[in-house]
Structures are given as structure tokens and as C-alpha cells.
């Protein structure tokens, strides 16, 4: 199923009668950011749908945290919104580890309350181009960033 853009949803609302709101909510529920846990639900849903294998097993959240460079306990707290981070790179690393496409990364960032990747920001441009070229290894993205004298995405050890 194709994801509906905000513009598409806005068009549906232009001519909508208030009596049709329940129907709208039901038909478009998956696109609604309706509660604090929407980030967590979205991330887990996208990762599950991708059905990625990692080291001969189906990728799980523990793998995402490991690839993103955080402990399982800290990753769980961030993913479940028990703890809030201001580290946008961490959310991007979660998405990269989960093999998210650009639109999925931007939606995750927005749901977390962060700015999406921006095509006028040099560092974001490198990340966008890497993702669009299916480069999902952090070291590959870091190499691209470093070649352009930009801060690496991965956590420094």
C-alpha cells in the first residue's frame, strides 16, 4: 500500500463534512500521529515489514540498537519513548540500521519531533544520497561524510 502524503490527506479534508470524520479516521488511521507512542509503533512496524535477516536470523530491535551503537537498555528506552533524546543522529542511525527509505526516515524523525532530512543541508544531503543509493552500512555513510569534511553519523567510540 502506498503511503499517503500530507498533501493527499489535506486534499481529502478540503471538501469533508464533519459527519465523515469517523470514516476518515478509520481509513487513514495509519497516517495519523495520534499519540505519544506513534514513533515507537511506526519504527517497530516498519522494521517488522522489512523482514530483514541479519547474521542468519530475522533482524530484531536488539540488532538495531547494536548497529546504531547503543546498549539494548538505552535503545529500548529511546524506542519506547520512556527517555527522550535530542540526538537526531541516533534516530537516523536507528533508521539506517533498519534499512529505512528516505520517506520512512523523515516520517520517523517527524514522529519523534525532529526535523526531517533537509536537501539544503550539506550533511543531510550526503545521508539522503547514501540512503537513495541503498548504502545502509554506517561506515559507508561515514566515509561519504568524511570525504566532504562533515561530522560522521556513527557514534565515536
N, C-alpha and C. Protein backbone atom coordinates (compact mmCIF):
# COMPACT_ATOMS: atom_id res chain seq x y z
N UNK A 1 0.84 -1.18 0.00
CA UNK A 1 0.00 0.00 0.00
C UNK A 1 0.89 1.25 0.00
N UNK A 2 0.60 2.17 -0.88
CA UNK A 2 1.34 3.42 -0.98
C UNK A 2 0.98 4.33 0.19
N UNK A 3 2.01 4.93 0.77
CA UNK A 3 1.76 5.86 1.88
C UNK A 3 1.16 7.15 1.33
N UNK A 4 0.17 7.65 2.02
CA UNK A 4 -0.45 8.91 1.61
C UNK A 4 0.38 10.07 2.15
N UNK A 5 0.60 11.04 1.29
CA UNK A 5 1.34 12.23 1.73
C UNK A 5 0.41 13.16 2.50
N UNK A 6 1.00 14.09 3.21
CA UNK A 6 0.21 15.09 3.93
C UNK A 6 -0.65 15.87 2.94
N UNK A 7 -0.10 16.16 1.77
CA UNK A 7 -0.87 16.90 0.75
C UNK A 7 -2.11 16.12 0.31
N UNK A 8 -1.95 14.80 0.15
CA UNK A 8 -3.10 13.98 -0.23
C UNK A 8 -4.17 14.02 0.86
N UNK A 9 -3.74 13.92 2.11
CA UNK A 9 -4.69 13.97 3.22
C UNK A 9 -5.35 15.35 3.30
N UNK A 10 -4.56 16.39 3.08
CA UNK A 10 -5.12 17.75 3.08
C UNK A 10 -6.21 17.89 2.02
N UNK A 11 -5.99 17.30 0.84
CA UNK A 11 -6.99 17.37 -0.23
C UNK A 11 -8.30 16.69 0.18
N UNK A 12 -8.18 15.56 0.87
CA UNK A 12 -9.38 14.86 1.34
C UNK A 12 -10.18 15.71 2.31
N UNK A 13 -9.49 16.52 3.10
CA UNK A 13 -10.16 17.33 4.12
C UNK A 13 -10.85 18.57 3.57
N UNK A 14 -10.43 19.03 2.40
CA UNK A 14 -10.98 20.27 1.84
C UNK A 14 -12.50 20.24 1.70
N UNK A 15 -13.03 19.15 1.23
CA UNK A 15 -14.47 19.07 0.97
C UNK A 15 -15.20 18.19 1.99
N UNK A 16 -14.52 17.82 3.06
CA UNK A 16 -15.10 16.87 4.00
C UNK A 16 -16.16 17.50 4.89
N UNK A 17 -17.19 16.74 5.10
CA UNK A 17 -18.27 17.11 6.01
C UNK A 17 -17.90 16.60 7.41
N UNK A 18 -18.18 17.37 8.46
CA UNK A 18 -17.85 16.90 9.81
C UNK A 18 -18.44 15.52 10.14
N UNK A 19 -19.54 15.15 9.50
CA UNK A 19 -20.14 13.83 9.74
C UNK A 19 -19.29 12.69 9.20
N UNK A 20 -18.31 13.03 8.35
CA UNK A 20 -17.47 12.00 7.73
C UNK A 20 -16.15 11.79 8.48
N UNK A 21 -15.96 12.48 9.60
CA UNK A 21 -14.69 12.38 10.33
C UNK A 21 -14.38 10.96 10.80
N UNK A 22 -15.36 10.25 11.33
CA UNK A 22 -15.11 8.89 11.80
C UNK A 22 -14.61 7.99 10.67
N UNK A 23 -15.22 8.13 9.51
CA UNK A 23 -14.80 7.35 8.35
C UNK A 23 -13.36 7.72 7.96
N UNK A 24 -13.07 9.02 7.95
CA UNK A 24 -11.72 9.49 7.62
C UNK A 24 -10.69 8.89 8.58
N UNK A 25 -10.99 8.97 9.89
CA UNK A 25 -10.06 8.44 10.89
C UNK A 25 -9.83 6.94 10.68
N UNK A 26 -10.88 6.22 10.39
CA UNK A 26 -10.77 4.78 10.21
C UNK A 26 -9.92 4.46 8.97
N UNK A 27 -10.19 5.14 7.87
CA UNK A 27 -9.49 4.86 6.62
C UNK A 27 -8.04 5.36 6.61
N UNK A 28 -7.72 6.34 7.44
CA UNK A 28 -6.39 6.94 7.41
C UNK A 28 -5.66 6.84 8.74
N UNK A 29 -6.11 5.95 9.59
CA UNK A 29 -5.54 5.81 10.92
C UNK A 29 -4.03 5.60 10.91
N UNK A 30 -3.54 4.81 9.95
CA UNK A 30 -2.11 4.51 9.93
C UNK A 30 -1.25 5.74 9.63
N UNK A 31 -1.84 6.79 9.11
CA UNK A 31 -1.10 8.01 8.79
C UNK A 31 -1.20 9.06 9.89
N UNK A 32 -1.97 8.79 10.91
CA UNK A 32 -2.23 9.77 11.96
C UNK A 32 -1.19 9.68 13.06
N UNK A 33 -0.68 10.82 13.47
CA UNK A 33 0.23 10.89 14.61
C UNK A 33 -0.63 11.23 15.81
N UNK A 34 -1.27 10.20 16.39
CA UNK A 34 -2.30 10.49 17.36
C UNK A 34 -1.93 10.26 18.81
N UNK A 35 -0.75 9.76 19.07
CA UNK A 35 -0.37 9.65 20.48
C UNK A 35 1.13 9.61 20.63
N UNK A 36 1.55 9.68 21.84
CA UNK A 36 2.96 9.77 22.19
C UNK A 36 3.76 8.57 21.71
N UNK A 37 3.12 7.43 21.57
CA UNK A 37 3.80 6.21 21.19
C UNK A 37 3.86 6.01 19.67
N UNK A 38 3.37 6.95 18.89
CA UNK A 38 3.31 6.74 17.45
C UNK A 38 4.70 6.49 16.86
N UNK A 39 5.74 7.12 17.38
CA UNK A 39 7.11 6.87 16.91
C UNK A 39 7.46 5.41 17.12
N UNK A 40 7.23 4.92 18.31
CA UNK A 40 7.58 3.55 18.65
C UNK A 40 6.82 2.56 17.77
N UNK A 41 5.52 2.76 17.64
CA UNK A 41 4.71 1.87 16.81
C UNK A 41 5.19 1.91 15.36
N UNK A 42 5.46 3.09 14.86
CA UNK A 42 5.89 3.24 13.48
C UNK A 42 7.22 2.52 13.25
N UNK A 43 8.20 2.76 14.10
CA UNK A 43 9.52 2.14 13.94
C UNK A 43 9.40 0.62 13.94
N UNK A 44 8.70 0.08 14.93
CA UNK A 44 8.58 -1.37 15.05
C UNK A 44 7.82 -1.96 13.86
N UNK A 45 6.82 -1.25 13.38
CA UNK A 45 6.04 -1.73 12.25
C UNK A 45 6.88 -1.76 10.97
N UNK A 46 7.63 -0.70 10.71
CA UNK A 46 8.46 -0.64 9.50
C UNK A 46 9.53 -1.73 9.56
N UNK A 47 10.17 -1.88 10.70
CA UNK A 47 11.22 -2.90 10.83
C UNK A 47 10.63 -4.30 10.61
N UNK A 48 9.47 -4.56 11.19
CA UNK A 48 8.83 -5.88 11.03
C UNK A 48 8.46 -6.14 9.57
N UNK A 49 7.94 -5.12 8.89
CA UNK A 49 7.52 -5.29 7.50
C UNK A 49 8.70 -5.58 6.58
N UNK A 50 9.88 -5.07 6.92
CA UNK A 50 11.04 -5.25 6.06
C UNK A 50 11.56 -6.68 6.09
N UNK A 51 11.33 -7.39 7.18
CA UNK A 51 11.70 -8.79 7.29
C UNK A 51 13.17 -9.02 6.90
N UNK A 52 14.06 -8.24 7.47
CA UNK A 52 15.49 -8.29 7.15
C UNK A 52 16.16 -9.40 7.95
N UNK A 53 17.05 -10.13 7.28
CA UNK A 53 17.85 -11.10 8.03
C UNK A 53 19.20 -10.47 8.33
N UNK A 54 19.70 -10.79 9.50
CA UNK A 54 20.97 -10.23 9.98
C UNK A 54 21.68 -11.34 10.73
N UNK A 55 22.87 -11.67 10.27
CA UNK A 55 23.64 -12.76 10.90
C UNK A 55 22.80 -14.03 11.03
N UNK A 56 22.15 -14.40 9.94
CA UNK A 56 21.37 -15.64 9.82
C UNK A 56 20.13 -15.71 10.70
N UNK A 57 19.61 -14.58 11.14
CA UNK A 57 18.33 -14.57 11.85
C UNK A 57 17.55 -13.32 11.46
N UNK A 58 16.26 -13.36 11.73
CA UNK A 58 15.44 -12.19 11.43
C UNK A 58 15.89 -11.04 12.33
N UNK A 59 16.13 -9.89 11.71
CA UNK A 59 16.60 -8.74 12.48
C UNK A 59 15.59 -8.37 13.55
N UNK A 60 16.10 -8.07 14.72
CA UNK A 60 15.25 -7.66 15.83
C UNK A 60 15.73 -6.31 16.35
N UNK A 61 15.00 -5.76 17.27
CA UNK A 61 15.36 -4.44 17.80
C UNK A 61 16.74 -4.46 18.46
N UNK A 62 17.09 -5.56 19.09
CA UNK A 62 18.41 -5.68 19.72
C UNK A 62 19.52 -5.46 18.67
N UNK A 63 19.30 -5.98 17.46
CA UNK A 63 20.27 -5.78 16.37
C UNK A 63 20.32 -4.31 15.96
N UNK A 64 19.17 -3.67 15.90
CA UNK A 64 19.09 -2.25 15.53
C UNK A 64 19.92 -1.43 16.52
N UNK A 65 19.73 -1.68 17.81
CA UNK A 65 20.46 -0.94 18.84
C UNK A 65 21.96 -1.17 18.71
N UNK A 66 22.34 -2.40 18.47
CA UNK A 66 23.75 -2.73 18.35
C UNK A 66 24.37 -2.01 17.15
N UNK A 67 23.72 -2.08 16.01
CA UNK A 67 24.22 -1.41 14.81
C UNK A 67 24.28 0.11 15.03
N UNK A 68 23.29 0.65 15.73
CA UNK A 68 23.23 2.09 15.99
C UNK A 68 24.25 2.54 17.04
N UNK A 69 24.87 1.58 17.73
CA UNK A 69 25.93 1.91 18.68
C UNK A 69 25.45 2.27 20.07
N UNK A 70 24.31 1.72 20.50
CA UNK A 70 23.81 1.97 21.85
C UNK A 70 23.49 0.65 22.54
N UNK A 71 23.44 0.70 23.85
CA UNK A 71 23.10 -0.50 24.60
C UNK A 71 21.63 -0.86 24.37
N UNK A 72 21.31 -2.10 24.62
CA UNK A 72 19.93 -2.55 24.45
C UNK A 72 18.99 -1.79 25.40
N UNK A 73 19.42 -1.60 26.64
CA UNK A 73 18.54 -0.92 27.61
C UNK A 73 18.30 0.54 27.21
N UNK A 74 19.33 1.24 26.76
CA UNK A 74 19.16 2.63 26.34
C UNK A 74 18.32 2.70 25.06
N UNK A 75 18.62 1.81 24.11
CA UNK A 75 17.86 1.77 22.87
C UNK A 75 16.38 1.54 23.10
N UNK A 76 16.05 0.63 24.01
CA UNK A 76 14.65 0.35 24.36
C UNK A 76 13.97 1.59 24.92
N UNK A 77 14.67 2.30 25.80
CA UNK A 77 14.08 3.50 26.42
C UNK A 77 13.79 4.58 25.38
N UNK A 78 14.71 4.73 24.43
CA UNK A 78 14.50 5.72 23.37
C UNK A 78 13.37 5.25 22.44
N UNK A 79 13.43 4.00 22.03
CA UNK A 79 12.44 3.46 21.09
C UNK A 79 11.03 3.50 21.69
N UNK A 80 10.91 3.24 22.97
CA UNK A 80 9.59 3.21 23.62
C UNK A 80 9.19 4.56 24.21
N UNK A 81 10.00 5.57 23.94
CA UNK A 81 9.72 6.94 24.39
C UNK A 81 9.68 7.07 25.91
N UNK A 82 10.37 6.18 26.61
CA UNK A 82 10.48 6.30 28.06
C UNK A 82 11.52 7.36 28.41
N UNK A 83 12.47 7.54 27.50
CA UNK A 83 13.52 8.53 27.66
C UNK A 83 13.56 9.29 26.33
N UNK A 84 13.78 10.60 26.39
CA UNK A 84 13.82 11.40 25.17
C UNK A 84 15.25 11.81 24.88
N UNK A 85 15.63 11.73 23.62
CA UNK A 85 16.96 12.19 23.21
C UNK A 85 16.82 13.41 22.31
N UNK A 86 17.80 14.27 22.36
CA UNK A 86 17.87 15.39 21.43
C UNK A 86 18.85 15.06 20.30
N UNK A 87 19.38 13.84 20.34
CA UNK A 87 20.38 13.39 19.37
C UNK A 87 19.69 12.87 18.10
N UNK A 88 19.54 13.75 17.15
CA UNK A 88 18.90 13.40 15.87
C UNK A 88 19.65 12.29 15.16
N UNK A 89 20.99 12.30 15.27
CA UNK A 89 21.79 11.25 14.62
C UNK A 89 21.42 9.87 15.13
N UNK A 90 21.07 9.75 16.40
CA UNK A 90 20.69 8.45 16.95
C UNK A 90 19.44 7.92 16.25
N UNK A 91 18.45 8.76 16.08
CA UNK A 91 17.22 8.33 15.41
C UNK A 91 17.54 7.96 13.96
N UNK A 92 18.39 8.73 13.31
CA UNK A 92 18.80 8.42 11.93
C UNK A 92 19.53 7.08 11.91
N UNK A 93 20.42 6.84 12.89
CA UNK A 93 21.14 5.55 12.93
C UNK A 93 20.18 4.39 13.12
N UNK A 94 19.17 4.55 13.97
CA UNK A 94 18.14 3.50 14.11
C UNK A 94 17.52 3.20 12.74
N UNK A 95 17.18 4.26 12.03
CA UNK A 95 16.53 4.10 10.73
C UNK A 95 17.46 3.45 9.70
N UNK A 96 18.71 3.88 9.69
CA UNK A 96 19.69 3.29 8.76
C UNK A 96 19.86 1.80 9.08
N UNK A 97 19.97 1.48 10.36
CA UNK A 97 20.12 0.08 10.77
C UNK A 97 18.92 -0.75 10.33
N UNK A 98 17.74 -0.14 10.30
CA UNK A 98 16.52 -0.82 9.88
C UNK A 98 16.27 -0.77 8.39
N UNK A 99 17.24 -0.25 7.64
CA UNK A 99 17.14 -0.16 6.18
C UNK A 99 15.95 0.68 5.72
N UNK A 100 15.69 1.78 6.43
CA UNK A 100 14.57 2.65 6.07
C UNK A 100 14.89 3.42 4.80
N UNK A 101 13.86 3.64 3.98
CA UNK A 101 13.99 4.51 2.82
C UNK A 101 13.86 5.95 3.30
N UNK A 102 14.16 6.89 2.42
CA UNK A 102 14.15 8.30 2.79
C UNK A 102 12.82 8.75 3.39
N UNK A 103 11.71 8.41 2.76
CA UNK A 103 10.40 8.84 3.28
C UNK A 103 10.14 8.23 4.66
N UNK A 104 10.62 7.02 4.90
CA UNK A 104 10.44 6.37 6.20
C UNK A 104 11.30 7.04 7.27
N UNK A 105 12.53 7.41 6.90
CA UNK A 105 13.40 8.12 7.84
C UNK A 105 12.77 9.46 8.23
N UNK A 106 12.31 10.19 7.23
CA UNK A 106 11.71 11.50 7.50
C UNK A 106 10.46 11.39 8.36
N UNK A 107 9.67 10.38 8.12
CA UNK A 107 8.47 10.20 8.95
C UNK A 107 8.85 9.86 10.39
N UNK A 108 9.84 9.00 10.57
CA UNK A 108 10.30 8.65 11.92
C UNK A 108 10.82 9.89 12.64
N UNK A 109 11.61 10.70 11.94
CA UNK A 109 12.13 11.92 12.56
C UNK A 109 10.99 12.85 12.97
N UNK A 110 10.02 13.03 12.09
CA UNK A 110 8.88 13.91 12.40
C UNK A 110 8.10 13.38 13.59
N UNK A 111 7.84 12.07 13.61
CA UNK A 111 7.10 11.48 14.73
C UNK A 111 7.85 11.64 16.05
N UNK A 112 9.17 11.65 15.98
CA UNK A 112 9.96 11.84 17.19
C UNK A 112 10.02 13.31 17.60
N UNK A 113 9.59 14.18 16.70
CA UNK A 113 9.61 15.62 17.00
C UNK A 113 10.86 16.31 16.49
N UNK A 114 11.50 15.70 15.52
CA UNK A 114 12.74 16.25 14.96
C UNK A 114 12.54 16.64 13.51
N UNK A 115 13.45 17.47 13.03
CA UNK A 115 13.39 17.91 11.63
C UNK A 115 13.76 16.76 10.70
N UNK A 116 13.04 16.64 9.59
CA UNK A 116 13.39 15.61 8.59
C UNK A 116 14.71 15.98 7.92
N UNK A 117 15.26 15.03 7.18
CA UNK A 117 16.47 15.31 6.41
C UNK A 117 16.15 16.40 5.40
N UNK A 118 17.08 17.34 5.25
CA UNK A 118 16.82 18.56 4.52
C UNK A 118 17.79 18.70 3.35
N UNK A 119 17.25 18.87 2.15
CA UNK A 119 18.07 18.89 0.94
C UNK A 119 18.90 20.16 0.76
N UNK A 120 18.81 21.09 1.71
CA UNK A 120 19.65 22.28 1.65
C UNK A 120 20.75 22.25 2.71
N UNK A 121 20.83 21.16 3.46
CA UNK A 121 21.86 20.98 4.48
C UNK A 121 22.89 20.00 3.93
N UNK A 122 24.17 20.43 3.85
CA UNK A 122 25.21 19.61 3.22
C UNK A 122 25.32 18.22 3.84
N UNK A 123 25.26 18.14 5.14
CA UNK A 123 25.40 16.84 5.82
C UNK A 123 24.19 15.96 5.52
N UNK A 124 23.00 16.54 5.61
CA UNK A 124 21.78 15.79 5.31
C UNK A 124 21.78 15.30 3.87
N UNK A 125 22.31 16.13 2.95
CA UNK A 125 22.38 15.74 1.54
C UNK A 125 23.19 14.46 1.38
N UNK A 126 24.31 14.37 2.08
CA UNK A 126 25.14 13.15 1.99
C UNK A 126 24.36 11.93 2.48
N UNK A 127 23.62 12.09 3.56
CA UNK A 127 22.84 10.98 4.11
C UNK A 127 21.72 10.60 3.14
N UNK A 128 21.04 11.60 2.59
CA UNK A 128 19.96 11.36 1.62
C UNK A 128 20.48 10.58 0.42
N UNK A 129 21.60 11.03 -0.14
CA UNK A 129 22.17 10.37 -1.32
C UNK A 129 22.59 8.95 -0.98
N UNK A 130 23.18 8.75 0.18
CA UNK A 130 23.59 7.40 0.59
C UNK A 130 22.37 6.48 0.68
N UNK A 131 21.33 6.94 1.35
CA UNK A 131 20.11 6.13 1.52
C UNK A 131 19.46 5.85 0.16
N UNK A 132 19.39 6.87 -0.68
CA UNK A 132 18.79 6.69 -2.01
C UNK A 132 19.59 5.70 -2.86
N UNK A 133 20.87 5.51 -2.51
CA UNK A 133 21.72 4.55 -3.20
C UNK A 133 21.87 3.25 -2.41
N UNK A 134 20.97 3.07 -1.44
CA UNK A 134 20.90 1.85 -0.62
C UNK A 134 22.20 1.53 0.11
N UNK A 135 22.86 2.56 0.59
CA UNK A 135 24.05 2.38 1.42
C UNK A 135 23.59 2.42 2.87
N UNK A 136 23.49 1.24 3.47
CA UNK A 136 22.94 1.13 4.82
C UNK A 136 23.97 0.72 5.86
N UNK A 137 25.23 0.72 5.48
CA UNK A 137 26.30 0.46 6.46
C UNK A 137 26.78 1.82 6.95
N UNK A 138 26.81 1.98 8.26
CA UNK A 138 27.20 3.29 8.81
C UNK A 138 28.59 3.71 8.35
N UNK A 139 29.51 2.75 8.21
CA UNK A 139 30.86 3.11 7.78
C UNK A 139 30.86 3.68 6.37
N UNK A 140 29.94 3.21 5.51
CA UNK A 140 29.85 3.75 4.15
C UNK A 140 29.38 5.20 4.18
N UNK A 141 28.38 5.45 5.00
CA UNK A 141 27.85 6.82 5.12
C UNK A 141 28.90 7.72 5.76
N UNK A 142 29.58 7.21 6.79
CA UNK A 142 30.64 7.99 7.44
C UNK A 142 31.74 8.34 6.45
N UNK A 143 32.11 7.40 5.57
CA UNK A 143 33.14 7.68 4.56
C UNK A 143 32.72 8.83 3.64
N UNK A 144 31.46 8.81 3.22
CA UNK A 144 30.95 9.88 2.35
C UNK A 144 31.00 11.21 3.10
N UNK A 145 30.55 11.20 4.36
CA UNK A 145 30.55 12.43 5.15
C UNK A 145 31.96 12.95 5.36
N UNK A 146 32.88 12.07 5.71
CA UNK A 146 34.26 12.49 5.97
C UNK A 146 34.93 13.03 4.71
N UNK A 147 34.63 12.45 3.54
CA UNK A 147 35.18 12.95 2.27
C UNK A 147 34.77 14.39 2.02
N UNK A 148 33.66 14.80 2.61
CA UNK A 148 33.16 16.16 2.43
C UNK A 148 33.37 17.01 3.69
N UNK A 149 34.28 16.53 4.55
CA UNK A 149 34.65 17.24 5.79
C UNK A 149 33.45 17.53 6.68
N UNK A 150 32.56 16.55 6.78
CA UNK A 150 31.37 16.68 7.61
C UNK A 150 31.42 15.67 8.75
N UNK A 151 30.71 15.97 9.82
CA UNK A 151 30.69 15.11 11.00
C UNK A 151 30.11 13.74 10.68
N UNK A 152 30.78 12.69 11.17
CA UNK A 152 30.31 11.33 10.95
C UNK A 152 28.95 11.12 11.61
N UNK A 153 28.21 10.16 11.07
CA UNK A 153 26.91 9.81 11.62
C UNK A 153 27.05 8.84 12.79
N UNK A 154 28.01 7.92 12.67
CA UNK A 154 28.16 6.91 13.71
C UNK A 154 28.74 7.53 14.98
N UNK A 155 28.44 6.85 16.05
CA UNK A 155 28.90 7.27 17.37
C UNK A 155 30.40 7.01 17.46
N UNK A 156 31.14 8.02 17.88
CA UNK A 156 32.59 7.80 18.07
C UNK A 156 32.81 6.92 19.27
N UNK A 157 33.67 5.95 19.08
CA UNK A 157 33.96 5.00 20.18
C UNK A 157 34.81 5.66 21.22
